[in-house]
Protein backbone atom coordinates (compact mmCIF):
# COMPACT_ATOMS: atom_id res chain seq x y z
CA MET A 1 -87.31 210.54 37.46
CA ALA A 2 -87.48 210.95 33.41
CA ILE A 3 -87.57 214.85 33.95
CA LEU A 4 -84.38 214.98 36.05
CA ASN A 5 -82.79 212.44 33.26
CA LEU A 6 -83.89 215.35 30.33
CA ALA A 7 -82.81 217.96 32.85
CA LEU A 8 -79.04 216.80 33.28
CA LYS A 9 -78.89 215.60 29.80
CA TYR A 10 -79.65 219.39 28.64
CA SER A 11 -77.38 220.73 30.94
CA TRP A 12 -74.32 218.26 29.79
CA PHE A 13 -75.05 219.39 26.41
CA ALA A 14 -75.14 223.05 27.29
CA PHE A 15 -72.20 223.03 29.11
CA LEU A 16 -70.09 221.28 26.08
CA ALA A 17 -71.71 223.68 23.69
CA THR A 18 -70.41 226.67 25.58
CA LEU A 19 -67.11 225.22 26.12
CA ALA A 20 -66.73 224.74 22.31
CA ASN A 21 -68.08 228.10 21.77
CA LEU A 22 -65.47 229.71 24.24
CA LEU A 23 -62.90 227.58 23.10
CA VAL A 24 -63.04 228.72 19.48
CA GLN A 25 -63.50 232.08 20.34
CA GLU A 26 -59.98 231.81 22.35
CA VAL A 27 -58.39 230.30 19.40
CA SER A 28 -59.48 232.66 16.83
CA THR A 29 -58.57 235.39 19.08
CA ARG A 30 -55.11 234.42 19.59
CA LEU A 31 -54.83 233.37 15.45
CA TYR A 32 -56.38 236.49 14.21
CA VAL A 33 -54.70 239.77 15.82
CA ALA A 34 -56.07 242.45 13.52
CA ASP A 35 -59.10 244.83 13.71
CA TYR A 36 -62.27 243.37 14.36
CA SER A 37 -60.68 240.22 16.01
CA LEU A 38 -63.65 240.23 18.40
CA ILE A 39 -66.17 240.06 15.85
CA ALA A 40 -64.20 237.28 13.72
CA ALA A 41 -64.21 235.39 17.18
CA MET A 42 -67.83 235.82 17.85
CA THR A 43 -68.74 234.72 14.32
CA LEU A 44 -66.42 231.78 14.30
CA GLY A 45 -67.75 230.82 17.72
CA THR A 46 -71.40 231.04 17.25
CA PRO A 47 -71.11 227.91 14.80
CA ALA A 48 -69.28 225.92 17.05
CA CYS A 49 -72.43 225.30 19.24
């Protein structure tokens, strides 16, 4: 049962980290509309995890 509990916690954390990453990327893409905006979004989204 402990392994299942650990797997659920890991899955929840991975979901939250992915959500934070995508949210930061979306916001940065909407705020910075210029050349290399995708690179800027990826650069800002990665540390958000």
